Each structure stands twice: as C-alpha cells, then as structure tokens.
C-alpha atoms as a PDB file:
ATOM      1  CA  UNK A   1       0.314  -0.089  -0.101  1.00  0.00           C
ATOM      2  CA  UNK A   2       1.143   3.004  -1.146  1.00  0.00           C
ATOM      3  CA  UNK A   3       1.491   6.366   1.354  1.00  0.00           C
ATOM      4  CA  UNK A   4      -1.619   8.412  -0.589  1.00  0.00           C
ATOM      5  CA  UNK A   5      -3.110   5.027  -0.658  1.00  0.00           C
ATOM      6  CA  UNK A   6      -2.910   5.436   3.130  1.00  0.00           C
ATOM      7  CA  UNK A   7      -4.007   8.626   3.528  1.00  0.00           C
ATOM      8  CA  UNK A   8      -6.848   8.304   1.760  1.00  0.00           C
ATOM      9  CA  UNK A   9      -8.609   5.238   3.867  1.00  0.00           C
ATOM     10  CA  UNK A  10      -7.433   7.561   6.640  1.00  0.00           C
ATOM     11  CA  UNK A  11      -9.197  10.649   5.725  1.00  0.00           C
ATOM     12  CA  UNK A  12     -12.228   7.948   4.577  1.00  0.00           C
ATOM     13  CA  UNK A  13     -12.642   7.303   8.355  1.00  0.00           C
ATOM     14  CA  UNK A  14     -15.535   8.707  10.396  1.00  0.00           C
ATOM     15  CA  UNK A  15     -13.579  11.244  13.293  1.00  0.00           C
ATOM     16  CA  UNK A  16     -14.149   9.417  16.198  1.00  0.00           C
ATOM     17  CA  UNK A  17     -12.230   6.360  14.168  1.00  0.00           C
ATOM     18  CA  UNK A  18      -9.852   8.378  13.666  1.00  0.00           C
ATOM     19  CA  UNK A  19      -8.780   9.351  16.891  1.00  0.00           C
ATOM     20  CA  UNK A  20      -9.059   5.939  18.103  1.00  0.00           C
ATOM     21  CA  UNK A  21      -6.604   5.480  15.505  1.00  0.00           C
ATOM     22  CA  UNK A  22      -4.513   8.330  16.579  1.00  0.00           C
ATOM     23  CA  UNK A  23      -4.147   7.422  19.642  1.00  0.00           C
ATOM     24  CA  UNK A  24      -3.639   3.496  19.007  1.00  0.00           C
ATOM     25  CA  UNK A  25      -0.605   4.570  16.328  1.00  0.00           C
ATOM     26  CA  UNK A  26       0.539   7.364  18.068  1.00  0.00           C
ATOM     27  CA  UNK A  27       2.916   5.607  20.838  1.00  0.00           C
ATOM     28  CA  UNK A  28       4.378   3.256  18.136  1.00  0.00           C
ATOM     29  CA  UNK A  29       5.037   5.795  15.799  1.00  0.00           C
ATOM     30  CA  UNK A  30       6.886   8.556  18.403  1.00  0.00           C
ATOM     31  CA  UNK A  31       9.371   6.049  19.456  1.00  0.00           C
ATOM     32  CA  UNK A  32      10.514   5.143  15.920  1.00  0.00           C
ATOM     33  CA  UNK A  33      10.724   9.806  15.314  1.00  0.00           C
ATOM     34  CA  UNK A  34      12.262  10.015  18.706  1.00  0.00           C
ATOM     35  CA  UNK A  35      15.077   7.728  17.793  1.00  0.00           C
ATOM     36  CA  UNK A  36      15.770  10.373  14.738  1.00  0.00           C
ATOM     37  CA  UNK A  37      16.673  14.161  16.259  1.00  0.00           C
ATOM     38  CA  UNK A  38      16.332  15.165  12.527  1.00  0.00           C
ATOM     39  CA  UNK A  39      13.410  14.370  11.979  1.00  0.00           C
ATOM     40  CA  UNK A  40      12.262  15.567  15.678  1.00  0.00           C
ATOM     41  CA  UNK A  41      13.090  19.290  14.354  1.00  0.00           C
ATOM     42  CA  UNK A  42      11.155  18.585  11.579  1.00  0.00           C
ATOM     43  CA  UNK A  43       7.689  17.802  13.443  1.00  0.00           C
ATOM     44  CA  UNK A  44       8.173  20.350  16.246  1.00  0.00           C
ATOM     45  CA  UNK A  45       7.270  22.652  13.822  1.00  0.00           C
ATOM     46  CA  UNK A  46       4.365  20.709  12.877  1.00  0.00           C
ATOM     47  CA  UNK A  47       3.036  20.313  16.745  1.00  0.00           C
ATOM     48  CA  UNK A  48       3.349  23.716  17.673  1.00  0.00           C
ATOM     49  CA  UNK A  49       1.453  25.174  14.604  1.00  0.00           C
ATOM     50  CA  UNK A  50      -1.480  22.919  15.401  1.00  0.00           C
ATOM     51  CA  UNK A  51      -1.573  24.079  18.434  1.00  0.00           C
ATOM     52  CA  UNK A  52      -0.871  27.729  17.848  1.00  0.00           C
ATOM     53  CA  UNK A  53      -3.868  26.738  15.046  1.00  0.00           C
ATOM     54  CA  UNK A  54      -6.336  25.569  17.879  1.00  0.00           C
ATOM     55  CA  UNK A  55      -4.888  28.556  20.511  1.00  0.00           C
ATOM     56  CA  UNK A  56      -3.355  26.744  22.845  1.00  0.00           C
ATOM     57  CA  UNK A  57       0.060  28.274  23.912  1.00  0.00           C
ATOM     58  CA  UNK A  58       3.388  26.337  24.544  1.00  0.00           C
ATOM     59  CA  UNK A  59       3.212  27.137  28.889  1.00  0.00           C
ATOM     60  CA  UNK A  60      -0.694  26.188  28.605  1.00  0.00           C
ATOM     61  CA  UNK A  61       0.693  22.324  27.116  1.00  0.00           C
ATOM     62  CA  UNK A  62       3.644  22.184  29.918  1.00  0.00           C
ATOM     63  CA  UNK A  63       1.073  23.374  32.433  1.00  0.00           C
ATOM     64  CA  UNK A  64      -1.289  20.253  31.048  1.00  0.00           C
ATOM     65  CA  UNK A  65       1.365  18.030  31.020  1.00  0.00           C
ATOM     66  CA  UNK A  66       2.594  18.744  34.797  1.00  0.00           C
ATOM     67  CA  UNK A  67      -0.767  18.414  35.344  1.00  0.00           C
ATOM     68  CA  UNK A  68      -0.941  14.846  34.052  1.00  0.00           C
ATOM     69  CA  UNK A  69       2.461  13.968  35.850  1.00  0.00           C
ATOM     70  CA  UNK A  70       4.173  14.621  32.548  1.00  0.00           C
ATOM     71  CA  UNK A  71       3.265  10.553  31.668  1.00  0.00           C
ATOM     72  CA  UNK A  72       3.078   9.598  28.029  1.00  0.00           C
ATOM     73  CA  UNK A  73      -1.057   8.841  28.552  1.00  0.00           C
ATOM     74  CA  UNK A  74      -1.292  10.427  31.416  1.00  0.00           C
ATOM     75  CA  UNK A  75      -1.098   7.866  33.711  1.00  0.00           C
ATOM     76  CA  UNK A  76      -0.405   8.660  37.605  1.00  0.00           C
ATOM     77  CA  UNK A  77       1.697   6.172  39.472  1.00  0.00           C
END
C-alpha cells in the first residue's frame, strides 16, 4: 500500500475512528521518531503549528503536561 493510499483510507474514516487510530498508532510511531533528532526538528514546527491554530500556547501545554505528571497517556503512579 502506498502512502497516498494510506492517506486516502485514513481521511475516509469517521472522526471518532480517526481519534482512535491516532491514539493507537501515535505511541509506537513516536518511539521510532524519537530515535531521529533531525526528524524531531521537522516534527516540532508541525506540532506547534497545530497548537497555535487551536489557540493553545506552549506554556498551557507545559501546565497540562504537569497536571498529568508528565507521563505519556496521562498515567499517574
């Protein structure tokens, strides 16, 4: 399957299916991305742009992360 075919299939999902997919696939994809510092530098502006588009400031994100104990998935010990 090509990247374009994957994108077409993903965009065809219902909003709740898209959210479930993101939550399911993001952690393993992030593990791969974290191994490549150059890719992280490409990803950061995309992530920050998404936040800014929704009116979320980086400081708010830091505060939110602190509320969740800074753990992925919001888990607390």
